[in-house]
């Protein structure tokens, strides 16, 4: 499973708060996926972060 953040990110930080093992806010103020593959124990929270993203900027597949 892979997580990506599109250029639609608004940098609200919700994804980092929901799933800090996969997402973090970078120096540019926007979210970034910090792993190449979502760890098995973080799949559910990564998916939750994608569903909750107000900008619809996260894809987990």
C-alpha atoms as a PDB file:
ATOM      1  CA  UNK A   1       0.000   0.000   0.000  1.00  0.00           C
ATOM      2  CA  UNK A   2       1.317   3.421  -0.993  1.00  0.00           C
ATOM      3  CA  UNK A   3       0.269   6.889   0.163  1.00  0.00           C
ATOM      4  CA  UNK A   4       0.658  10.040  -1.901  1.00  0.00           C
ATOM      5  CA  UNK A   5      -0.179  13.690  -1.294  1.00  0.00           C
ATOM      6  CA  UNK A   6      -1.168  15.839  -4.268  1.00  0.00           C
ATOM      7  CA  UNK A   7      -0.488  19.507  -4.919  1.00  0.00           C
ATOM      8  CA  UNK A   8      -4.011  20.213  -3.633  1.00  0.00           C
ATOM      9  CA  UNK A   9      -2.688  19.931  -0.058  1.00  0.00           C
ATOM     10  CA  UNK A  10      -3.544  22.934   2.112  1.00  0.00           C
ATOM     11  CA  UNK A  11      -1.199  22.015   4.971  1.00  0.00           C
ATOM     12  CA  UNK A  12      -3.853  21.695   7.662  1.00  0.00           C
ATOM     13  CA  UNK A  13      -1.917  18.937   9.467  1.00  0.00           C
ATOM     14  CA  UNK A  14      -4.875  16.618   9.977  1.00  0.00           C
ATOM     15  CA  UNK A  15      -3.098  13.734   8.237  1.00  0.00           C
ATOM     16  CA  UNK A  16      -0.005  14.090  10.403  1.00  0.00           C
ATOM     17  CA  UNK A  17      -2.185  14.140  13.501  1.00  0.00           C
ATOM     18  CA  UNK A  18      -4.095  11.067  12.351  1.00  0.00           C
ATOM     19  CA  UNK A  19      -1.194   9.012  11.006  1.00  0.00           C
ATOM     20  CA  UNK A  20       2.239  10.397  11.961  1.00  0.00           C
ATOM     21  CA  UNK A  21       3.931   7.148  10.889  1.00  0.00           C
ATOM     22  CA  UNK A  22       3.094   7.992   7.262  1.00  0.00           C
ATOM     23  CA  UNK A  23       2.574  11.765   6.968  1.00  0.00           C
ATOM     24  CA  UNK A  24       4.349  14.883   8.153  1.00  0.00           C
ATOM     25  CA  UNK A  25       4.182  18.592   7.428  1.00  0.00           C
ATOM     26  CA  UNK A  26       7.373  19.620   5.648  1.00  0.00           C
ATOM     27  CA  UNK A  27       9.350  22.843   5.790  1.00  0.00           C
ATOM     28  CA  UNK A  28       7.179  24.080   2.920  1.00  0.00           C
ATOM     29  CA  UNK A  29       4.099  23.902   5.168  1.00  0.00           C
ATOM     30  CA  UNK A  30       2.534  21.071   3.177  1.00  0.00           C
ATOM     31  CA  UNK A  31       2.006  17.401   3.955  1.00  0.00           C
ATOM     32  CA  UNK A  32       4.282  14.713   2.578  1.00  0.00           C
ATOM     33  CA  UNK A  33       4.240  10.933   2.755  1.00  0.00           C
ATOM     34  CA  UNK A  34       7.414   9.978   4.628  1.00  0.00           C
ATOM     35  CA  UNK A  35       7.456   6.272   3.762  1.00  0.00           C
ATOM     36  CA  UNK A  36       7.573   4.454   0.431  1.00  0.00           C
ATOM     37  CA  UNK A  37       5.190   1.757   1.639  1.00  0.00           C
ATOM     38  CA  UNK A  38       2.561   2.205   4.339  1.00  0.00           C
ATOM     39  CA  UNK A  39       3.398  -0.129   7.239  1.00  0.00           C
ATOM     40  CA  UNK A  40       0.767  -2.816   7.775  1.00  0.00           C
ATOM     41  CA  UNK A  41      -0.042  -1.514  11.248  1.00  0.00           C
ATOM     42  CA  UNK A  42      -0.673   1.999   9.859  1.00  0.00           C
ATOM     43  CA  UNK A  43      -2.896   1.076   6.896  1.00  0.00           C
ATOM     44  CA  UNK A  44      -6.144   1.800   8.717  1.00  0.00           C
ATOM     45  CA  UNK A  45      -5.039   5.200  10.032  1.00  0.00           C
ATOM     46  CA  UNK A  46      -3.513   6.172   6.666  1.00  0.00           C
ATOM     47  CA  UNK A  47      -6.831   5.409   4.998  1.00  0.00           C
ATOM     48  CA  UNK A  48      -8.622   7.412   7.681  1.00  0.00           C
ATOM     49  CA  UNK A  49      -6.313  10.371   7.006  1.00  0.00           C
ATOM     50  CA  UNK A  50      -7.153  10.159   3.303  1.00  0.00           C
ATOM     51  CA  UNK A  51     -10.886  10.043   3.992  1.00  0.00           C
ATOM     52  CA  UNK A  52     -10.703  12.979   6.410  1.00  0.00           C
ATOM     53  CA  UNK A  53      -8.453  15.226   4.276  1.00  0.00           C
ATOM     54  CA  UNK A  54     -10.467  18.419   3.689  1.00  0.00           C
ATOM     55  CA  UNK A  55      -8.693  19.069   0.388  1.00  0.00           C
ATOM     56  CA  UNK A  56      -8.992  15.496  -0.884  1.00  0.00           C
ATOM     57  CA  UNK A  57      -5.234  15.591  -1.451  1.00  0.00           C
ATOM     58  CA  UNK A  58      -4.341  12.134  -0.123  1.00  0.00           C
ATOM     59  CA  UNK A  59      -4.506   8.876  -2.023  1.00  0.00           C
ATOM     60  CA  UNK A  60      -3.850   5.531  -0.348  1.00  0.00           C
ATOM     61  CA  UNK A  61      -3.815   2.490  -2.590  1.00  0.00           C
END
